[in-house]
Amino acid sequence: MNFNKAYFIRKIRCVANYQFGNRAGEKMFPDDVSLVFSRRTGRVRYVYLNGELLATLRPSDGLFCLTVKGAERLMETECSRGMVVKVQGEISPFIEKGRNVFAKHVISASDEIRPGEEVIVVNPENKILAVGKALLSGCEMKFFKRGVAVQVRRGSAEKAKKCNKH
Protein backbone atom coordinates (compact mmCIF):
# COMPACT_ATOMS: atom_id res chain seq x y z
CA MET A 1 0.00 0.00 0.00
CA ASN A 2 1.33 3.39 -0.97
CA PHE A 3 1.24 5.53 2.20
CA ASN A 4 0.41 9.17 1.58
CA LYS A 5 -0.02 10.70 5.04
CA ALA A 6 -1.31 14.04 3.71
CA TYR A 7 -4.13 12.23 1.89
CA PHE A 8 -5.24 10.37 5.03
CA ILE A 9 -5.03 13.48 7.22
CA ARG A 10 -7.20 15.33 4.69
CA LYS A 11 -9.64 12.43 4.80
CA ILE A 12 -9.96 12.34 8.62
CA ARG A 13 -10.32 16.11 8.70
CA CYS A 14 -13.24 15.85 6.27
CA VAL A 15 -14.92 13.28 8.52
CA ALA A 16 -14.38 15.54 11.57
CA ASN A 17 -15.78 18.55 9.68
CA TYR A 18 -18.88 16.53 8.78
CA GLN A 19 -19.39 15.15 12.28
CA PHE A 20 -18.42 18.11 14.47
CA GLY A 21 -18.83 21.14 12.26
CA ASN A 22 -16.97 23.17 9.71
CA ARG A 23 -13.23 23.60 10.37
CA ALA A 24 -13.22 21.16 13.34
CA GLY A 25 -10.89 18.77 11.50
CA GLU A 26 -8.14 21.34 11.02
CA LYS A 27 -8.29 22.34 14.69
CA MET A 28 -8.42 18.79 16.05
CA PHE A 29 -5.89 17.09 13.80
CA PRO A 30 -2.70 19.05 13.07
CA ASP A 31 -0.23 17.81 10.47
CA ASP A 32 1.87 15.97 13.07
CA VAL A 33 -0.81 13.47 14.16
CA SER A 34 0.05 9.78 14.08
CA LEU A 35 -2.31 7.41 12.31
CA VAL A 36 -2.76 3.72 13.06
CA PHE A 37 -4.35 1.61 10.35
CA SER A 38 -6.44 -1.53 10.61
CA ARG A 39 -4.38 -4.53 9.52
CA ARG A 40 -7.43 -6.19 8.04
CA THR A 41 -8.96 -3.32 6.05
CA GLY A 42 -6.06 -0.88 5.67
CA ARG A 43 -8.26 2.01 6.82
CA VAL A 44 -7.41 4.60 9.46
CA ARG A 45 -8.52 3.30 12.85
CA TYR A 46 -6.82 5.45 15.54
CA VAL A 47 -5.56 9.04 15.60
CA TYR A 48 -2.83 9.99 18.09
CA LEU A 49 -1.14 13.28 18.93
CA ASN A 50 2.09 13.23 20.95
CA GLY A 51 1.42 9.63 21.97
CA GLU A 52 -2.11 10.30 23.25
CA LEU A 53 -5.19 8.85 21.60
CA LEU A 54 -7.50 11.60 20.31
CA ALA A 55 -10.12 9.58 18.49
CA THR A 56 -11.08 6.23 17.06
CA LEU A 57 -12.67 5.95 13.65
CA ARG A 58 -15.57 3.52 14.04
CA PRO A 59 -15.76 0.95 11.26
CA SER A 60 -19.54 0.58 11.73
CA ASP A 61 -20.46 4.08 10.55
CA GLY A 62 -17.14 5.76 9.67
CA LEU A 63 -17.51 8.46 12.35
CA PHE A 64 -15.25 9.40 15.24
CA CYS A 65 -15.45 8.18 18.78
CA LEU A 66 -13.71 10.81 20.95
CA THR A 67 -11.45 10.35 23.92
CA VAL A 68 -11.32 12.93 26.71
CA LYS A 69 -8.11 14.29 25.14
CA GLY A 70 -9.87 14.62 21.78
CA ALA A 71 -12.78 16.37 23.51
CA GLU A 72 -10.34 18.86 25.07
CA ARG A 73 -8.99 19.75 21.61
CA LEU A 74 -12.52 20.05 20.24
CA MET A 75 -13.61 22.29 23.14
CA GLU A 76 -10.93 24.76 22.06
CA THR A 77 -12.94 25.33 18.88
CA GLU A 78 -16.35 26.89 18.43
CA CYS A 79 -17.54 23.64 16.83
CA SER A 80 -18.09 21.95 20.18
CA ARG A 81 -21.02 24.16 21.22
CA GLY A 82 -23.54 21.93 19.48
CA MET A 83 -22.43 18.81 21.34
CA VAL A 84 -22.03 19.88 24.97
CA VAL A 85 -24.19 18.58 27.82
CA LYS A 86 -23.84 20.53 31.08
CA VAL A 87 -24.63 18.68 34.31
CA GLN A 88 -25.09 19.65 37.95
CA GLY A 89 -21.87 20.15 39.89
CA GLU A 90 -22.70 17.73 42.70
CA ILE A 91 -22.73 14.71 40.36
CA SER A 92 -19.42 15.61 38.71
CA PRO A 93 -17.35 13.04 40.68
CA PHE A 94 -19.61 10.22 39.49
CA ILE A 95 -19.53 11.28 35.85
CA GLU A 96 -15.72 11.61 35.97
CA LYS A 97 -15.56 7.98 37.07
CA GLY A 98 -17.53 6.91 34.00
CA ARG A 99 -21.11 6.77 35.31
CA ASN A 100 -23.96 7.54 32.90
CA VAL A 101 -25.70 10.93 32.89
CA PHE A 102 -29.35 10.91 33.91
CA ALA A 103 -31.77 13.44 32.43
CA LYS A 104 -32.67 14.86 35.85
CA HIS A 105 -29.04 16.02 36.29
CA VAL A 106 -28.81 17.91 32.99
CA ILE A 107 -28.66 21.70 33.36
CA SER A 108 -28.37 22.49 29.66
CA ALA A 109 -27.86 20.76 26.35
CA SER A 110 -27.74 22.00 22.79
CA ASP A 111 -31.01 21.67 20.90
CA GLU A 112 -28.92 20.35 17.98
CA ILE A 113 -28.04 17.10 19.81
CA ARG A 114 -29.71 14.02 18.36
CA PRO A 115 -29.80 10.51 19.85
CA GLY A 116 -26.72 8.49 18.91
CA GLU A 117 -24.44 11.48 18.47
CA GLU A 118 -21.10 11.99 20.17
CA VAL A 119 -21.34 14.43 23.12
CA ILE A 120 -19.04 16.06 25.65
CA VAL A 121 -20.25 16.20 29.27
CA VAL A 122 -19.11 19.23 31.29
CA ASN A 123 -19.73 20.65 34.76
CA PRO A 124 -21.11 24.19 35.37
CA GLU A 125 -17.54 25.58 35.07
CA ASN A 126 -17.16 23.91 31.62
CA LYS A 127 -14.59 21.38 32.85
CA ILE A 128 -14.78 18.22 30.76
CA LEU A 129 -16.10 15.32 32.82
CA ALA A 130 -16.68 12.66 30.18
CA VAL A 131 -17.40 11.75 26.57
CA GLY A 132 -20.20 9.52 25.41
CA LYS A 133 -23.20 8.89 23.24
CA ALA A 134 -26.46 10.83 23.54
CA LEU A 135 -29.45 8.57 24.14
CA LEU A 136 -31.91 11.48 24.06
CA SER A 137 -32.16 14.62 21.96
CA GLY A 138 -30.95 17.87 23.52
CA CYS A 139 -34.56 19.03 24.05
CA GLU A 140 -35.49 15.74 25.71
CA MET A 141 -32.46 15.90 28.03
CA LYS A 142 -33.69 19.23 29.40
CA PHE A 143 -37.36 18.25 29.54
CA PHE A 144 -37.28 14.70 30.92
CA LYS A 145 -36.81 14.00 34.61
CA ARG A 146 -36.17 10.26 34.29
CA GLY A 147 -33.91 7.99 32.31
CA VAL A 148 -30.37 7.99 30.96
CA ALA A 149 -29.53 11.01 28.80
CA VAL A 150 -25.91 10.17 27.95
CA GLN A 151 -24.25 6.78 27.89
CA VAL A 152 -20.76 7.67 29.12
CA ARG A 153 -17.93 5.88 27.37
CA ARG A 154 -15.03 7.38 29.26
CA GLY A 155 -14.83 9.65 32.29
CA SER A 156 -11.98 12.12 32.71
CA ALA A 157 -10.79 10.32 35.86
CA GLU A 158 -10.42 7.03 33.96
CA LYS A 159 -7.42 6.00 31.90
CA ALA A 160 -7.81 6.46 28.14
CA LYS A 161 -8.91 3.38 26.28
CA LYS A 162 -9.89 2.68 22.69
CA CYS A 163 -13.59 2.54 21.96
CA ASN A 164 -15.06 -0.21 19.87
CA LYS A 165 -18.80 -0.56 20.35
CA HIS A 166 -20.22 2.97 20.16
C-alpha atoms as a PDB file:
ATOM      1  CA  MET A   1       0.000   0.000   0.000  1.00  0.00           C
ATOM      2  CA  ASN A   2       1.331   3.390  -0.971  1.00  0.00           C
ATOM      3  CA  PHE A   3       1.236   5.531   2.195  1.00  0.00           C
ATOM      4  CA  ASN A   4       0.411   9.173   1.577  1.00  0.00           C
ATOM      5  CA  LYS A   5      -0.020  10.702   5.040  1.00  0.00           C
ATOM      6  CA  ALA A   6      -1.308  14.040   3.708  1.00  0.00           C
ATOM      7  CA  TYR A   7      -4.131  12.227   1.889  1.00  0.00           C
ATOM      8  CA  PHE A   8      -5.239  10.368   5.032  1.00  0.00           C
ATOM      9  CA  ILE A   9      -5.029  13.482   7.216  1.00  0.00           C
ATOM     10  CA  ARG A  10      -7.198  15.327   4.691  1.00  0.00           C
ATOM     11  CA  LYS A  11      -9.642  12.429   4.802  1.00  0.00           C
ATOM     12  CA  ILE A  12      -9.957  12.337   8.620  1.00  0.00           C
ATOM     13  CA  ARG A  13     -10.318  16.112   8.701  1.00  0.00           C
ATOM     14  CA  CYS A  14     -13.241  15.850   6.270  1.00  0.00           C
ATOM     15  CA  VAL A  15     -14.920  13.283   8.524  1.00  0.00           C
ATOM     16  CA  ALA A  16     -14.383  15.542  11.569  1.00  0.00           C
ATOM     17  CA  ASN A  17     -15.785  18.546   9.683  1.00  0.00           C
ATOM     18  CA  TYR A  18     -18.876  16.533   8.777  1.00  0.00           C
ATOM     19  CA  GLN A  19     -19.393  15.147  12.276  1.00  0.00           C
ATOM     20  CA  PHE A  20     -18.422  18.107  14.472  1.00  0.00           C
ATOM     21  CA  GLY A  21     -18.832  21.137  12.261  1.00  0.00           C
ATOM     22  CA  ASN A  22     -16.967  23.174   9.710  1.00  0.00           C
ATOM     23  CA  ARG A  23     -13.226  23.599  10.370  1.00  0.00           C
ATOM     24  CA  ALA A  24     -13.217  21.156  13.335  1.00  0.00           C
ATOM     25  CA  GLY A  25     -10.893  18.771  11.497  1.00  0.00           C
ATOM     26  CA  GLU A  26      -8.144  21.343  11.016  1.00  0.00           C
ATOM     27  CA  LYS A  27      -8.286  22.342  14.691  1.00  0.00           C
ATOM     28  CA  MET A  28      -8.425  18.789  16.053  1.00  0.00           C
ATOM     29  CA  PHE A  29      -5.893  17.087  13.804  1.00  0.00           C
ATOM     30  CA  PRO A  30      -2.701  19.054  13.071  1.00  0.00           C
ATOM     31  CA  ASP A  31      -0.231  17.812  10.469  1.00  0.00           C
ATOM     32  CA  ASP A  32       1.875  15.968  13.065  1.00  0.00           C
ATOM     33  CA  VAL A  33      -0.813  13.475  14.159  1.00  0.00           C
ATOM     34  CA  SER A  34       0.049   9.780  14.081  1.00  0.00           C
ATOM     35  CA  LEU A  35      -2.309   7.411  12.311  1.00  0.00           C
ATOM     36  CA  VAL A  36      -2.765   3.719  13.059  1.00  0.00           C
ATOM     37  CA  PHE A  37      -4.345   1.614  10.350  1.00  0.00           C
ATOM     38  CA  SER A  38      -6.443  -1.527  10.606  1.00  0.00           C
ATOM     39  CA  ARG A  39      -4.384  -4.525   9.517  1.00  0.00           C
ATOM     40  CA  ARG A  40      -7.428  -6.194   8.040  1.00  0.00           C
ATOM     41  CA  THR A  41      -8.965  -3.316   6.055  1.00  0.00           C
ATOM     42  CA  GLY A  42      -6.061  -0.883   5.667  1.00  0.00           C
ATOM     43  CA  ARG A  43      -8.262   2.006   6.817  1.00  0.00           C
ATOM     44  CA  VAL A  44      -7.412   4.601   9.457  1.00  0.00           C
ATOM     45  CA  ARG A  45      -8.520   3.300  12.852  1.00  0.00           C
ATOM     46  CA  TYR A  46      -6.823   5.449  15.543  1.00  0.00           C
ATOM     47  CA  VAL A  47      -5.561   9.041  15.598  1.00  0.00           C
ATOM     48  CA  TYR A  48      -2.832   9.987  18.092  1.00  0.00           C
ATOM     49  CA  LEU A  49      -1.139  13.281  18.933  1.00  0.00           C
ATOM     50  CA  ASN A  50       2.091  13.230  20.948  1.00  0.00           C
ATOM     51  CA  GLY A  51       1.417   9.635  21.969  1.00  0.00           C
ATOM     52  CA  GLU A  52      -2.114  10.305  23.254  1.00  0.00           C
ATOM     53  CA  LEU A  53      -5.191   8.850  21.597  1.00  0.00           C
ATOM     54  CA  LEU A  54      -7.501  11.600  20.311  1.00  0.00           C
ATOM     55  CA  ALA A  55     -10.117   9.581  18.485  1.00  0.00           C
ATOM     56  CA  THR A  56     -11.078   6.233  17.058  1.00  0.00           C
ATOM     57  CA  LEU A  57     -12.675   5.955  13.649  1.00  0.00           C
ATOM     58  CA  ARG A  58     -15.566   3.516  14.039  1.00  0.00           C
ATOM     59  CA  PRO A  59     -15.764   0.948  11.258  1.00  0.00           C
ATOM     60  CA  SER A  60     -19.538   0.578  11.725  1.00  0.00           C
ATOM     61  CA  ASP A  61     -20.459   4.079  10.550  1.00  0.00           C
ATOM     62  CA  GLY A  62     -17.138   5.764   9.666  1.00  0.00           C
ATOM     63  CA  LEU A  63     -17.512   8.461  12.350  1.00  0.00           C
ATOM     64  CA  PHE A  64     -15.253   9.402  15.241  1.00  0.00           C
ATOM     65  CA  CYS A  65     -15.452   8.177  18.777  1.00  0.00           C
ATOM     66  CA  LEU A  66     -13.712  10.808  20.948  1.00  0.00           C
ATOM     67  CA  THR A  67     -11.447  10.352  23.920  1.00  0.00           C
ATOM     68  CA  VAL A  68     -11.315  12.933  26.708  1.00  0.00           C
ATOM     69  CA  LYS A  69      -8.109  14.290  25.142  1.00  0.00           C
ATOM     70  CA  GLY A  70      -9.871  14.625  21.785  1.00  0.00           C
ATOM     71  CA  ALA A  71     -12.776  16.371  23.506  1.00  0.00           C
ATOM     72  CA  GLU A  72     -10.336  18.857  25.067  1.00  0.00           C
ATOM     73  CA  ARG A  73      -8.994  19.748  21.612  1.00  0.00           C
ATOM     74  CA  LEU A  74     -12.521  20.050  20.240  1.00  0.00           C
ATOM     75  CA  MET A  75     -13.611  22.291  23.140  1.00  0.00           C
ATOM     76  CA  GLU A  76     -10.927  24.764  22.061  1.00  0.00           C
ATOM     77  CA  THR A  77     -12.942  25.328  18.880  1.00  0.00           C
ATOM     78  CA  GLU A  78     -16.353  26.889  18.430  1.00  0.00           C
ATOM     79  CA  CYS A  79     -17.539  23.642  16.827  1.00  0.00           C
ATOM     80  CA  SER A  80     -18.087  21.951  20.183  1.00  0.00           C
ATOM     81  CA  ARG A  81     -21.021  24.158  21.222  1.00  0.00           C
ATOM     82  CA  GLY A  82     -23.537  21.928  19.478  1.00  0.00           C
ATOM     83  CA  MET A  83     -22.434  18.811  21.342  1.00  0.00           C
ATOM     84  CA  VAL A  84     -22.028  19.884  24.970  1.00  0.00           C
ATOM     85  CA  VAL A  85     -24.186  18.581  27.821  1.00  0.00           C
ATOM     86  CA  LYS A  86     -23.843  20.525  31.076  1.00  0.00           C
ATOM     87  CA  VAL A  87     -24.635  18.685  34.307  1.00  0.00           C
ATOM     88  CA  GLN A  88     -25.091  19.648  37.946  1.00  0.00           C
ATOM     89  CA  GLY A  89     -21.873  20.147  39.888  1.00  0.00           C
ATOM     90  CA  GLU A  90     -22.700  17.727  42.702  1.00  0.00           C
ATOM     91  CA  ILE A  91     -22.734  14.710  40.364  1.00  0.00           C
ATOM     92  CA  SER A  92     -19.419  15.612  38.706  1.00  0.00           C
ATOM     93  CA  PRO A  93     -17.354  13.041  40.679  1.00  0.00           C
ATOM     94  CA  PHE A  94     -19.610  10.217  39.493  1.00  0.00           C
ATOM     95  CA  ILE A  95     -19.526  11.284  35.855  1.00  0.00           C
ATOM     96  CA  GLU A  96     -15.721  11.612  35.968  1.00  0.00           C
ATOM     97  CA  LYS A  97     -15.563   7.978  37.072  1.00  0.00           C
ATOM     98  CA  GLY A  98     -17.527   6.914  34.000  1.00  0.00           C
ATOM     99  CA  ARG A  99     -21.105   6.775  35.311  1.00  0.00           C
ATOM    100  CA  ASN A 100     -23.961   7.540  32.903  1.00  0.00           C
ATOM    101  CA  VAL A 101     -25.698  10.933  32.895  1.00  0.00           C
ATOM    102  CA  PHE A 102     -29.354  10.912  33.907  1.00  0.00           C
ATOM    103  CA  ALA A 103     -31.769  13.442  32.434  1.00  0.00           C
ATOM    104  CA  LYS A 104     -32.667  14.862  35.847  1.00  0.00           C
ATOM    105  CA  HIS A 105     -29.045  16.018  36.287  1.00  0.00           C
ATOM    106  CA  VAL A 106     -28.812  17.908  32.987  1.00  0.00           C
ATOM    107  CA  ILE A 107     -28.660  21.698  33.360  1.00  0.00           C
ATOM    108  CA  SER A 108     -28.370  22.491  29.663  1.00  0.00           C
ATOM    109  CA  ALA A 109     -27.858  20.762  26.348  1.00  0.00           C
ATOM    110  CA  SER A 110     -27.740  22.000  22.793  1.00  0.00           C
ATOM    111  CA  ASP A 111     -31.006  21.670  20.895  1.00  0.00           C
ATOM    112  CA  GLU A 112     -28.924  20.346  17.985  1.00  0.00           C
ATOM    113  CA  ILE A 113     -28.039  17.101  19.811  1.00  0.00           C
ATOM    114  CA  ARG A 114     -29.711  14.016  18.364  1.00  0.00           C
ATOM    115  CA  PRO A 115     -29.796  10.513  19.854  1.00  0.00           C
ATOM    116  CA  GLY A 116     -26.722   8.490  18.913  1.00  0.00           C
ATOM    117  CA  GLU A 117     -24.438  11.485  18.474  1.00  0.00           C
ATOM    118  CA  GLU A 118     -21.101  11.988  20.172  1.00  0.00           C
ATOM    119  CA  VAL A 119     -21.340  14.431  23.119  1.00  0.00           C
ATOM    120  CA  ILE A 120     -19.039  16.060  25.650  1.00  0.00           C
ATOM    121  CA  VAL A 121     -20.250  16.199  29.267  1.00  0.00           C
ATOM    122  CA  VAL A 122     -19.107  19.226  31.293  1.00  0.00           C
ATOM    123  CA  ASN A 123     -19.734  20.648  34.764  1.00  0.00           C
ATOM    124  CA  PRO A 124     -21.106  24.185  35.373  1.00  0.00           C
ATOM    125  CA  GLU A 125     -17.545  25.579  35.074  1.00  0.00           C
ATOM    126  CA  ASN A 126     -17.163  23.915  31.625  1.00  0.00           C
ATOM    127  CA  LYS A 127     -14.594  21.382  32.851  1.00  0.00           C
ATOM    128  CA  ILE A 128     -14.778  18.215  30.764  1.00  0.00           C
ATOM    129  CA  LEU A 129     -16.101  15.320  32.822  1.00  0.00           C
ATOM    130  CA  ALA A 130     -16.677  12.660  30.178  1.00  0.00           C
ATOM    131  CA  VAL A 131     -17.396  11.751  26.573  1.00  0.00           C
ATOM    132  CA  GLY A 132     -20.196   9.517  25.413  1.00  0.00           C
ATOM    133  CA  LYS A 133     -23.199   8.885  23.239  1.00  0.00           C
ATOM    134  CA  ALA A 134     -26.463  10.829  23.541  1.00  0.00           C
ATOM    135  CA  LEU A 135     -29.449   8.569  24.138  1.00  0.00           C
ATOM    136  CA  LEU A 136     -31.914  11.485  24.062  1.00  0.00           C
ATOM    137  CA  SER A 137     -32.161  14.618  21.962  1.00  0.00           C
ATOM    138  CA  GLY A 138     -30.949  17.873  23.523  1.00  0.00           C
ATOM    139  CA  CYS A 139     -34.556  19.030  24.049  1.00  0.00           C
ATOM    140  CA  GLU A 140     -35.491  15.742  25.714  1.00  0.00           C
ATOM    141  CA  MET A 141     -32.465  15.904  28.027  1.00  0.00           C
ATOM    142  CA  LYS A 142     -33.690  19.233  29.402  1.00  0.00           C
ATOM    143  CA  PHE A 143     -37.364  18.251  29.544  1.00  0.00           C
ATOM    144  CA  PHE A 144     -37.279  14.698  30.916  1.00  0.00           C
ATOM    145  CA  LYS A 145     -36.811  14.004  34.608  1.00  0.00           C
ATOM    146  CA  ARG A 146     -36.172  10.263  34.291  1.00  0.00           C
ATOM    147  CA  GLY A 147     -33.913   7.993  32.313  1.00  0.00           C
ATOM    148  CA  VAL A 148     -30.373   7.994  30.959  1.00  0.00           C
ATOM    149  CA  ALA A 149     -29.533  11.005  28.804  1.00  0.00           C
ATOM    150  CA  VAL A 150     -25.907  10.174  27.949  1.00  0.00           C
ATOM    151  CA  GLN A 151     -24.254   6.781  27.894  1.00  0.00           C
ATOM    152  CA  VAL A 152     -20.761   7.670  29.122  1.00  0.00           C
ATOM    153  CA  ARG A 153     -17.929   5.884  27.367  1.00  0.00           C
ATOM    154  CA  ARG A 154     -15.033   7.381  29.263  1.00  0.00           C
ATOM    155  CA  GLY A 155     -14.834   9.654  32.289  1.00  0.00           C
ATOM    156  CA  SER A 156     -11.984  12.121  32.708  1.00  0.00           C
ATOM    157  CA  ALA A 157     -10.789  10.319  35.863  1.00  0.00           C
ATOM    158  CA  GLU A 158     -10.417   7.032  33.961  1.00  0.00           C
ATOM    159  CA  LYS A 159      -7.422   6.003  31.895  1.00  0.00           C
ATOM    160  CA  ALA A 160      -7.809   6.459  28.142  1.00  0.00           C
ATOM    161  CA  LYS A 161      -8.914   3.375  26.280  1.00  0.00           C
ATOM    162  CA  LYS A 162      -9.887   2.675  22.687  1.00  0.00           C
ATOM    163  CA  CYS A 163     -13.588   2.542  21.964  1.00  0.00           C
ATOM    164  CA  ASN A 164     -15.060  -0.207  19.872  1.00  0.00           C
ATOM    165  CA  LYS A 165     -18.796  -0.558  20.354  1.00  0.00           C
ATOM    166  CA  HIS A 166     -20.219   2.967  20.161  1.00  0.00           C
END
